[in-house]
Amino acid sequence: MAPVRLRGKNYALFIGSIVGLIGLACYPIIIQPMLHPEEYKKIQQINRANIRQEEIQPGNMRVWSDPFKPREDK
């Protein structure tokens, strides 16, 4: 059986379907959380409710803060 050569409309449909499948796979992982962050913020608040970040911060490092804001501890 000889290999099928895609030309014209069939080639465009093949490439378009591959791009579409990749986009469909990326939507629930990348795009949906960016468009609807409220749900994920609620989940994080529930999961981190009893955690004090200062107690679990390794090596006496400061807790993350805005890197462009001047330091308050100096």
Protein backbone atom coordinates (compact mmCIF):
# COMPACT_ATOMS: atom_id res chain seq x y z
CA MET A 1 0.00 0.00 0.00
CA ALA A 2 1.47 3.34 -1.06
CA PRO A 3 1.57 6.26 1.37
CA VAL A 4 -1.20 8.82 0.97
CA ARG A 5 -0.05 12.27 -0.15
CA LEU A 6 -2.08 15.09 1.31
CA ARG A 7 -2.56 18.09 -0.96
CA GLY A 8 -4.71 21.17 -0.94
CA LYS A 9 -7.91 20.91 1.08
CA ASN A 10 -6.99 17.56 2.67
CA TYR A 11 -3.66 18.94 3.91
CA ALA A 12 -5.37 22.00 5.39
CA LEU A 13 -7.93 19.79 7.15
CA PHE A 14 -5.20 17.54 8.54
CA ILE A 15 -3.11 20.43 9.90
CA GLY A 16 -6.22 22.22 11.17
CA SER A 17 -7.37 19.13 13.05
CA ILE A 18 -3.96 18.74 14.73
CA VAL A 19 -3.96 22.41 15.80
CA GLY A 20 -7.56 22.09 16.96
CA LEU A 21 -6.81 19.00 19.07
CA ILE A 22 -3.87 20.74 20.73
CA GLY A 23 -6.05 23.78 21.45
CA LEU A 24 -8.83 21.56 22.81
CA ALA A 25 -6.35 19.81 25.10
CA CYS A 26 -4.90 23.13 26.34
CA TYR A 27 -8.23 24.79 27.12
CA PRO A 28 -9.00 23.10 30.48
CA ILE A 29 -5.37 23.29 31.59
CA ILE A 30 -4.33 26.82 30.56
CA ILE A 31 -7.15 28.97 29.22
CA GLN A 32 -10.08 28.17 31.55
CA PRO A 33 -8.13 28.92 34.79
CA MET A 34 -6.99 32.25 33.33
CA LEU A 35 -10.54 33.25 32.39
CA HIS A 36 -12.13 32.10 35.68
CA PRO A 37 -9.60 32.48 38.54
CA GLU A 38 -12.24 32.96 41.27
CA GLU A 39 -12.89 29.22 41.59
CA TYR A 40 -9.19 28.48 42.06
CA LYS A 41 -8.77 31.30 44.59
CA LYS A 42 -11.60 29.81 46.69
CA ILE A 43 -9.98 26.37 46.55
CA GLN A 44 -6.63 27.81 47.66
CA GLN A 45 -8.23 29.69 50.55
CA ILE A 46 -9.85 26.48 51.78
CA ASN A 47 -6.68 24.41 51.40
CA ARG A 48 -4.41 27.00 53.05
CA ALA A 49 -6.78 28.04 55.85
CA ASN A 50 -4.78 26.45 58.72
CA ILE A 51 -1.29 27.07 57.33
CA ARG A 52 0.87 29.90 58.64
CA GLN A 53 3.39 30.59 55.92
CA GLU A 54 5.90 32.17 58.31
CA GLU A 55 6.22 28.87 60.20
CA ILE A 56 6.90 26.71 57.15
CA GLN A 57 9.18 29.12 55.27
CA PRO A 58 12.56 27.37 54.85
CA GLY A 59 15.86 28.82 56.01
CA ASN A 60 14.42 31.86 57.79
CA MET A 61 13.70 33.41 54.42
CA ARG A 62 11.16 36.18 54.04
CA VAL A 63 7.69 35.26 52.85
CA TRP A 64 7.18 36.16 49.21
CA SER A 65 6.37 39.79 48.59
CA ASP A 66 6.14 42.16 45.66
CA PRO A 67 9.66 42.39 44.18
CA PHE A 68 9.15 45.99 43.05
CA LYS A 69 7.99 47.27 46.42
CA PRO A 70 10.66 48.64 48.79
CA ARG A 71 11.58 46.32 51.65
CA GLU A 72 9.94 47.13 54.96
CA ASP A 73 12.38 45.25 57.22
CA LYS A 74 15.40 47.44 56.37
